């Protein structure tokens, strides 16, 4: 019997990649949510605004998901309310939640890469919110909550890539120096979620490249690979290491 999967934020960069890839799985029925009223109408998409977090209850009742993938964005407090509702539904109906978190849960300790079992410490509102939401889901759902922590996310239509393209076009681009990180693509995230669902995996996952390189070098390689015109580089000294690496042994090499 096919499983119902609800992708929250299916019109975003990551959500679009997840929705597209999972829709190819015959064993899954995929429904996504979108926020923008400009989104193309589709029977597989439902409008949801985190500004009205309790509206998620009607969607859950209609879709009856076995799995929810959450890449919601918006007001932090309202996201928490939405995720409380989702957790209660999935606990009652023995479902699972795949929650997309961030490397920023460690942004209070940027002196080294971090692994799944490291203690979170954040100085930013965003990172502290993500820590709070992770804790809420894990405390309420236990093993039914799966956490994916992501570093810099790239994709064909991602804001970061558009920023690089724009900088090359206008001839000036700001680049962090003395800043080391790893990276992940929207497709890599989608493939990892596909694998987690197929293999019934659980726990915390750090998703991204296994190498940590300087941000400046990464941008230089990106510009060269894409054949863009070299801009004037405005160096922004930022001595940090923003990387989430995995010490799990079960992730296939092709997903790293």
Protein backbone atom coordinates (compact mmCIF):
# COMPACT_ATOMS: atom_id res chain seq x y z
CA UNK A 1 0.00 0.00 0.00
CA UNK A 2 1.38 3.40 -0.97
CA UNK A 3 2.42 5.77 1.82
CA UNK A 4 1.13 9.32 1.94
CA UNK A 5 3.90 11.92 2.20
CA UNK A 6 3.19 15.58 2.96
CA UNK A 7 5.98 18.00 1.94
CA UNK A 8 5.60 21.32 3.78
CA UNK A 9 7.18 24.17 1.87
CA UNK A 10 7.11 22.37 -1.48
CA UNK A 11 7.46 25.65 -3.39
CA UNK A 12 10.82 26.51 -1.81
CA UNK A 13 14.27 25.59 -3.12
CA UNK A 14 14.67 22.41 -1.06
CA UNK A 15 10.96 21.57 -0.93
CA UNK A 16 10.68 21.70 -4.72
CA UNK A 17 13.57 19.24 -5.13
CA UNK A 18 12.09 16.89 -2.50
CA UNK A 19 8.60 17.07 -3.99
CA UNK A 20 9.89 16.43 -7.52
CA UNK A 21 12.08 13.43 -6.61
CA UNK A 22 9.60 11.72 -4.29
CA UNK A 23 6.83 12.14 -6.87
CA UNK A 24 8.75 9.64 -9.04
CA UNK A 25 8.28 6.94 -6.40
CA UNK A 26 5.33 4.70 -7.23
CA UNK A 27 5.17 3.56 -3.61
CA UNK A 28 4.49 7.10 -2.40
CA UNK A 29 1.57 9.51 -2.77
CA UNK A 30 3.03 13.02 -2.56
CA UNK A 31 1.14 16.15 -1.52
CA UNK A 32 2.91 19.47 -1.05
CA UNK A 33 2.07 22.83 0.44
CA UNK A 34 2.89 26.25 -0.97
CA UNK A 35 2.50 29.79 0.32
CA UNK A 36 2.72 32.17 -2.64
CA UNK A 37 -0.57 32.88 -4.37
CA UNK A 38 1.43 32.96 -7.63
CA UNK A 39 2.10 29.23 -7.37
CA UNK A 40 0.67 27.22 -10.24
CA UNK A 41 -2.50 25.38 -9.26
CA UNK A 42 -2.18 21.62 -8.95
CA UNK A 43 -4.23 18.86 -7.31
CA UNK A 44 -1.00 17.76 -5.59
CA UNK A 45 -0.44 21.17 -3.95
CA UNK A 46 -2.35 22.80 -1.11
CA UNK A 47 -1.95 26.37 0.14
CA UNK A 48 -0.71 26.79 3.70
CA UNK A 49 0.52 29.90 5.48
CA UNK A 50 2.50 29.55 8.69
CA UNK A 51 0.82 32.81 9.74
CA UNK A 52 -2.20 30.60 10.50
CA UNK A 53 -0.43 27.59 12.06
CA UNK A 54 -3.55 25.80 13.25
CA UNK A 55 -4.73 25.51 9.63
CA UNK A 56 -2.28 22.63 9.34
CA UNK A 57 -4.78 20.46 11.25
CA UNK A 58 -7.26 20.51 8.36
CA UNK A 59 -4.52 19.60 5.89
CA UNK A 60 -3.35 16.72 8.08
CA UNK A 61 -6.92 15.45 8.39
CA UNK A 62 -7.41 15.60 4.62
CA UNK A 63 -4.03 14.18 3.52
CA UNK A 64 -3.62 11.66 6.36
CA UNK A 65 0.15 11.52 5.92
CA UNK A 66 2.32 8.63 7.04
CA UNK A 67 5.37 10.89 6.67
CA UNK A 68 5.71 14.67 6.86
CA UNK A 69 8.77 16.45 5.46
CA UNK A 70 9.03 19.94 6.93
CA UNK A 71 10.97 22.75 5.29
CA UNK A 72 8.68 25.46 6.61
CA UNK A 73 9.87 29.05 6.92
CA UNK A 74 8.38 32.08 8.61
CA UNK A 75 7.60 33.42 12.07
CA UNK A 76 9.40 31.31 14.68
CA UNK A 77 6.62 31.14 17.27
CA UNK A 78 4.04 30.24 14.66
CA UNK A 79 6.32 27.56 13.24
CA UNK A 80 6.52 26.04 16.72
CA UNK A 81 2.72 25.94 16.96
CA UNK A 82 2.48 24.29 13.54
CA UNK A 83 5.07 21.68 14.50
CA UNK A 84 3.32 20.99 17.80
CA UNK A 85 0.16 20.21 15.82
CA UNK A 86 2.08 18.03 13.37
CA UNK A 87 3.79 16.14 16.18
CA UNK A 88 0.48 15.43 17.93
CA UNK A 89 -1.07 14.12 14.72
CA UNK A 90 1.88 11.86 13.89
CA UNK A 91 2.13 10.50 17.44
CA UNK A 92 -1.54 9.59 17.37
CA UNK A 93 -1.32 8.04 13.91
CA UNK A 94 2.12 6.42 14.23
CA UNK A 95 3.66 8.59 11.52
CA UNK A 96 7.11 10.09 11.10
CA UNK A 97 8.47 13.61 10.65
CA UNK A 98 11.59 14.55 8.69
CA UNK A 99 12.58 18.01 9.92
CA UNK A 100 15.06 20.19 8.05
CA UNK A 101 17.25 22.00 10.52
CA UNK A 102 20.50 23.92 10.11
CA UNK A 103 24.19 24.17 10.92
CA UNK A 104 23.26 27.34 12.80
CA UNK A 105 22.39 25.25 15.86
CA UNK A 106 26.18 25.38 16.38
CA UNK A 107 26.75 29.05 15.53
CA UNK A 108 27.93 29.74 19.06
CA UNK A 109 30.92 27.50 18.45
CA UNK A 110 32.38 28.15 14.99
CA UNK A 111 35.94 27.06 15.81
CA UNK A 112 35.59 23.55 14.34
CA UNK A 113 33.25 21.27 12.36
CA UNK A 114 30.42 19.64 14.28
CA UNK A 115 28.99 16.11 14.26
CA UNK A 116 25.56 14.63 15.01
CA UNK A 117 26.30 13.90 18.67
CA UNK A 118 27.80 17.33 19.49
CA UNK A 119 25.90 19.56 21.92
CA UNK A 120 24.14 22.46 20.19
CA UNK A 121 25.14 25.99 21.13
CA UNK A 122 23.84 29.05 19.30
CA UNK A 123 24.14 32.81 19.67
CA UNK A 124 21.63 33.70 16.94
CA UNK A 125 17.84 33.92 17.15
CA UNK A 126 17.60 31.59 14.14
CA UNK A 127 19.90 28.95 15.61
CA UNK A 128 18.20 29.10 19.01
CA UNK A 129 14.80 28.66 17.37
CA UNK A 130 16.01 25.61 15.46
CA UNK A 131 17.41 24.12 18.69
CA UNK A 132 14.05 24.72 20.36
CA UNK A 133 12.13 23.10 17.52
CA UNK A 134 14.48 20.11 17.39
CA UNK A 135 14.04 19.60 21.14
CA UNK A 136 10.26 19.93 20.90
CA UNK A 137 10.04 17.28 18.20
CA UNK A 138 12.48 14.86 19.78
CA UNK A 139 10.92 15.15 23.24
CA UNK A 140 7.39 14.71 21.89
CA UNK A 141 8.06 12.15 19.16
CA UNK A 142 11.22 10.29 20.12
CA UNK A 143 12.40 8.12 17.24
CA UNK A 144 9.47 9.24 15.09
CA UNK A 145 11.27 12.58 14.56
CA UNK A 146 14.20 12.59 12.12
CA UNK A 147 16.46 15.65 12.08
CA UNK A 148 18.49 16.77 9.05
CA UNK A 149 21.03 19.54 9.72
CA UNK A 150 22.16 21.43 6.63
CA UNK A 151 25.14 23.70 5.84
CA UNK A 152 25.08 26.20 2.93
CA UNK A 153 22.36 25.03 0.52
CA UNK A 154 22.85 25.46 -3.24
CA UNK A 155 20.58 24.80 -6.20
CA UNK A 156 19.89 26.02 -9.70
CA UNK A 157 17.49 28.66 -8.40
CA UNK A 158 18.95 29.13 -4.93
CA UNK A 159 19.42 32.68 -3.60
CA UNK A 160 23.15 32.08 -3.04
CA UNK A 161 23.74 31.06 -6.64
CA UNK A 162 21.69 33.99 -7.88
CA UNK A 163 23.80 36.29 -5.72
CA UNK A 164 26.99 34.95 -7.31
CA UNK A 165 25.54 35.30 -10.81
CA UNK A 166 24.43 38.86 -10.12
CA UNK A 167 27.85 39.74 -8.71
CA UNK A 168 29.53 38.41 -11.83
CA UNK A 169 27.15 40.36 -14.05
CA UNK A 170 27.66 43.69 -12.28
CA UNK A 171 31.37 43.06 -11.83
CA UNK A 172 31.60 43.04 -8.02
CA UNK A 173 31.07 40.20 -5.54
CA UNK A 174 31.53 40.03 -1.77
CA UNK A 175 33.26 36.83 -0.60
CA UNK A 176 34.03 35.61 2.93
CA UNK A 177 37.73 35.05 3.65
CA UNK A 178 39.22 32.95 6.44
CA UNK A 179 35.85 31.18 6.45
CA UNK A 180 35.66 27.39 6.09
CA UNK A 181 32.54 25.37 5.37
CA UNK A 182 30.95 22.42 3.69
CA UNK A 183 28.02 22.60 1.29
CA UNK A 184 24.94 20.71 0.13
CA UNK A 185 22.72 20.83 -2.95
CA UNK A 186 18.94 20.73 -3.00
CA UNK A 187 19.14 17.49 -5.00
CA UNK A 188 21.48 15.87 -2.46
CA UNK A 189 19.01 16.70 0.31
CA UNK A 190 16.14 15.21 -1.70
CA UNK A 191 18.12 12.03 -2.44
CA UNK A 192 18.97 11.65 1.24
CA UNK A 193 15.32 11.99 2.24
CA UNK A 194 14.38 9.43 -0.41
CA UNK A 195 16.96 7.03 1.06
CA UNK A 196 15.78 7.66 4.64
CA UNK A 197 12.21 6.80 3.65
CA UNK A 198 13.17 3.71 1.65
CA UNK A 199 15.49 2.33 4.32
CA UNK A 200 13.33 3.40 7.27
CA UNK A 201 16.20 5.30 8.89
CA UNK A 202 15.96 7.35 12.07
CA UNK A 203 17.96 9.78 14.19
CA UNK A 204 19.98 12.89 13.37
CA UNK A 205 21.75 13.34 10.04
CA UNK A 206 24.33 15.93 9.00
CA UNK A 207 23.92 16.25 5.25
CA UNK A 208 26.56 17.77 2.99
CA UNK A 209 29.96 17.32 1.42
CA UNK A 210 32.54 15.45 3.48
CA UNK A 211 35.24 18.03 2.76
CA UNK A 212 35.63 21.41 4.45
CA UNK A 213 37.14 24.09 2.22
CA UNK A 214 37.52 27.85 2.30
CA UNK A 215 34.45 29.72 1.12
CA UNK A 216 36.63 31.86 -1.13
CA UNK A 217 38.01 28.77 -2.89
CA UNK A 218 34.53 27.31 -3.28
CA UNK A 219 33.21 30.48 -4.93
CA UNK A 220 36.26 30.65 -7.22
CA UNK A 221 35.68 27.04 -8.29
CA UNK A 222 31.99 27.74 -8.84
CA UNK A 223 32.69 30.76 -11.06
CA UNK A 224 35.25 28.78 -13.08
CA UNK A 225 33.02 25.72 -13.46
CA UNK A 226 30.03 27.77 -14.61
CA UNK A 227 32.12 29.84 -17.00
CA UNK A 228 30.99 33.15 -15.54
CA UNK A 229 32.83 36.43 -16.02
CA UNK A 230 35.22 37.12 -13.17
CA UNK A 231 34.08 40.04 -10.98
CA UNK A 232 36.08 42.23 -8.66
CA UNK A 233 36.20 40.32 -5.37
CA UNK A 234 35.39 42.31 -2.24
CA UNK A 235 36.93 40.34 0.61
CA UNK A 236 34.94 40.09 3.84
CA UNK A 237 37.15 38.67 6.60
CA UNK A 238 35.09 36.24 8.67
CA UNK A 239 37.27 33.84 10.70
CA UNK A 240 34.89 30.95 11.26
CA UNK A 241 34.31 27.28 10.47
CA UNK A 242 30.67 26.55 9.58
CA UNK A 243 30.52 22.86 8.80
CA UNK A 244 28.34 19.93 9.82
CA UNK A 245 29.99 16.58 9.18
CA UNK A 246 28.62 13.09 9.77
CA UNK A 247 30.06 10.31 11.89
CA UNK A 248 27.28 7.93 10.88
CA UNK A 249 28.45 4.76 9.16
CA UNK A 250 25.20 3.93 7.37
CA UNK A 251 25.06 6.81 4.85
CA UNK A 252 25.93 5.56 1.31
CA UNK A 253 29.01 7.09 -0.28
CA UNK A 254 26.96 8.44 -3.19
CA UNK A 255 25.05 10.68 -0.76
CA UNK A 256 28.18 12.30 0.65
